[in-house]
């Protein structure tokens, strides 16, 4: 599960970079940031639910 979340985070970072550097794709940057934050929150909640300590 955490590997999938890690993969999603990488994909969202790529979308953010595309949105930042390609003219006219600012909307992609916004979507990437929202999805990155949402995935990070889900990963944090899952990690806490599994009882794994934070490092």
N, C-alpha and C. Protein backbone atom coordinates (compact mmCIF):
# COMPACT_ATOMS: atom_id res chain seq x y z
N UNK A 1 0.82 -1.20 0.00
CA UNK A 1 0.00 0.00 0.00
C UNK A 1 0.86 1.26 0.00
N UNK A 2 1.90 1.26 0.84
CA UNK A 2 2.75 2.44 0.90
C UNK A 2 3.56 2.62 -0.38
N UNK A 3 3.87 1.50 -1.08
CA UNK A 3 4.58 1.61 -2.35
C UNK A 3 3.69 2.31 -3.39
N UNK A 4 2.41 1.98 -3.37
CA UNK A 4 1.46 2.63 -4.28
C UNK A 4 1.37 4.12 -3.98
N UNK A 5 1.31 4.47 -2.70
CA UNK A 5 1.26 5.88 -2.32
C UNK A 5 2.53 6.61 -2.75
N UNK A 6 3.67 5.95 -2.62
CA UNK A 6 4.93 6.55 -3.06
C UNK A 6 4.93 6.79 -4.56
N UNK A 7 4.41 5.83 -5.32
CA UNK A 7 4.32 5.99 -6.77
C UNK A 7 3.40 7.15 -7.13
N UNK A 8 2.27 7.25 -6.46
CA UNK A 8 1.35 8.36 -6.72
C UNK A 8 2.00 9.70 -6.40
N UNK A 9 2.77 9.77 -5.33
CA UNK A 9 3.45 11.02 -4.99
C UNK A 9 4.43 11.43 -6.08
N UNK A 10 5.14 10.46 -6.64
CA UNK A 10 6.07 10.76 -7.73
C UNK A 10 5.31 11.27 -8.95
N UNK A 11 4.19 10.64 -9.28
CA UNK A 11 3.39 11.08 -10.42
C UNK A 11 2.89 12.50 -10.21
N UNK A 12 2.44 12.81 -8.99
CA UNK A 12 1.93 14.16 -8.72
C UNK A 12 3.04 15.20 -8.83
N UNK A 13 4.26 14.85 -8.41
CA UNK A 13 5.38 15.78 -8.53
C UNK A 13 5.67 16.05 -10.00
N UNK A 14 5.59 15.03 -10.84
CA UNK A 14 5.79 15.22 -12.28
C UNK A 14 4.73 16.16 -12.84
N UNK A 15 3.47 15.98 -12.43
CA UNK A 15 2.41 16.88 -12.89
C UNK A 15 2.67 18.32 -12.44
N UNK A 16 3.14 18.48 -11.21
CA UNK A 16 3.45 19.82 -10.71
C UNK A 16 4.55 20.46 -11.55
N UNK A 17 5.59 19.70 -11.85
CA UNK A 17 6.69 20.24 -12.65
C UNK A 17 6.23 20.60 -14.06
N UNK A 18 5.41 19.75 -14.67
CA UNK A 18 4.87 20.07 -16.00
C UNK A 18 4.04 21.35 -15.95
N UNK A 19 3.20 21.46 -14.94
CA UNK A 19 2.37 22.65 -14.80
C UNK A 19 3.18 23.90 -14.56
N UNK A 20 4.32 23.77 -13.89
CA UNK A 20 5.15 24.93 -13.58
C UNK A 20 5.95 25.39 -14.79
N UNK A 21 6.37 24.47 -15.64
CA UNK A 21 7.29 24.83 -16.72
C UNK A 21 6.67 24.93 -18.10
N UNK A 22 5.49 24.36 -18.30
CA UNK A 22 4.85 24.43 -19.62
C UNK A 22 3.82 25.55 -19.59
N UNK A 23 3.99 26.51 -20.47
CA UNK A 23 3.10 27.68 -20.53
C UNK A 23 1.67 27.22 -20.82
N UNK A 24 0.73 27.70 -20.05
CA UNK A 24 -0.67 27.38 -20.27
C UNK A 24 -1.17 26.17 -19.49
N UNK A 25 -0.29 25.54 -18.72
CA UNK A 25 -0.71 24.37 -17.96
C UNK A 25 -0.69 24.62 -16.46
N UNK A 26 -0.99 25.87 -16.08
CA UNK A 26 -1.01 26.21 -14.65
C UNK A 26 -2.04 25.37 -13.90
N UNK A 27 -3.14 25.03 -14.56
CA UNK A 27 -4.17 24.21 -13.94
C UNK A 27 -3.61 22.85 -13.52
N UNK A 28 -2.65 22.34 -14.29
CA UNK A 28 -2.03 21.06 -13.97
C UNK A 28 -1.21 21.17 -12.68
N UNK A 29 -0.58 22.30 -12.49
CA UNK A 29 0.17 22.56 -11.26
C UNK A 29 -0.77 22.54 -10.06
N UNK A 30 -1.90 23.20 -10.19
CA UNK A 30 -2.87 23.27 -9.09
C UNK A 30 -3.41 21.88 -8.76
N UNK A 31 -3.78 21.12 -9.78
CA UNK A 31 -4.29 19.77 -9.56
C UNK A 31 -3.22 18.89 -8.93
N UNK A 32 -1.99 19.02 -9.41
CA UNK A 32 -0.89 18.23 -8.86
C UNK A 32 -0.65 18.52 -7.39
N UNK A 33 -0.71 19.80 -7.01
CA UNK A 33 -0.51 20.17 -5.60
C UNK A 33 -1.63 19.61 -4.74
N UNK A 34 -2.86 19.72 -5.20
CA UNK A 34 -4.00 19.21 -4.43
C UNK A 34 -3.89 17.69 -4.26
N UNK A 35 -3.56 16.99 -5.33
CA UNK A 35 -3.44 15.54 -5.25
C UNK A 35 -2.25 15.12 -4.39
N UNK A 36 -1.16 15.86 -4.46
CA UNK A 36 0.02 15.57 -3.64
C UNK A 36 -0.33 15.69 -2.16
N UNK A 37 -1.01 16.75 -1.81
CA UNK A 37 -1.40 16.95 -0.40
C UNK A 37 -2.37 15.86 0.04
N UNK A 38 -3.36 15.55 -0.79
CA UNK A 38 -4.35 14.53 -0.43
C UNK A 38 -3.68 13.16 -0.26
N UNK A 39 -2.78 12.80 -1.16
CA UNK A 39 -2.09 11.52 -1.06
C UNK A 39 -1.20 11.46 0.17
N UNK A 40 -0.55 12.57 0.48
CA UNK A 40 0.29 12.62 1.67
C UNK A 40 -0.53 12.42 2.94
N UNK A 41 -1.69 13.04 2.99
CA UNK A 41 -2.57 12.89 4.16
C UNK A 41 -3.04 11.44 4.29
N UNK A 42 -3.45 10.84 3.18
CA UNK A 42 -3.90 9.45 3.21
C UNK A 42 -2.76 8.54 3.67
N UNK A 43 -1.56 8.77 3.15
CA UNK A 43 -0.41 7.98 3.57
C UNK A 43 -0.11 8.13 5.05
N UNK A 44 -0.21 9.34 5.56
CA UNK A 44 0.03 9.58 6.98
C UNK A 44 -1.00 8.86 7.84
N UNK A 45 -2.25 8.92 7.42
CA UNK A 45 -3.33 8.26 8.17
C UNK A 45 -3.14 6.74 8.14
N UNK A 46 -2.81 6.20 6.97
CA UNK A 46 -2.59 4.75 6.85
C UNK A 46 -1.42 4.32 7.72
N UNK A 47 -0.36 5.10 7.71
CA UNK A 47 0.83 4.77 8.51
C UNK A 47 0.48 4.74 10.00
N UNK A 48 -0.31 5.71 10.45
CA UNK A 48 -0.73 5.74 11.85
C UNK A 48 -1.65 4.56 12.16
N UNK A 49 -2.52 4.21 11.22
CA UNK A 49 -3.45 3.11 11.44
C UNK A 49 -2.72 1.77 11.53
N UNK A 50 -1.61 1.64 10.82
CA UNK A 50 -0.83 0.41 10.87
C UNK A 50 0.04 0.33 12.12
N UNK A 51 0.09 1.41 12.87
CA UNK A 51 0.85 1.41 14.10
C UNK A 51 2.34 1.57 13.91
N UNK A 52 2.75 2.06 12.76
CA UNK A 52 4.17 2.27 12.50
C UNK A 52 4.60 3.61 13.09
N UNK A 53 5.75 3.63 13.72
CA UNK A 53 6.22 4.90 14.29
C UNK A 53 6.71 5.85 13.21
N UNK A 54 6.58 7.14 13.51
CA UNK A 54 7.11 8.15 12.60
C UNK A 54 8.60 8.25 12.80
N UNK A 55 9.32 8.51 11.73
CA UNK A 55 10.78 8.68 11.82
C UNK A 55 11.14 10.13 11.74
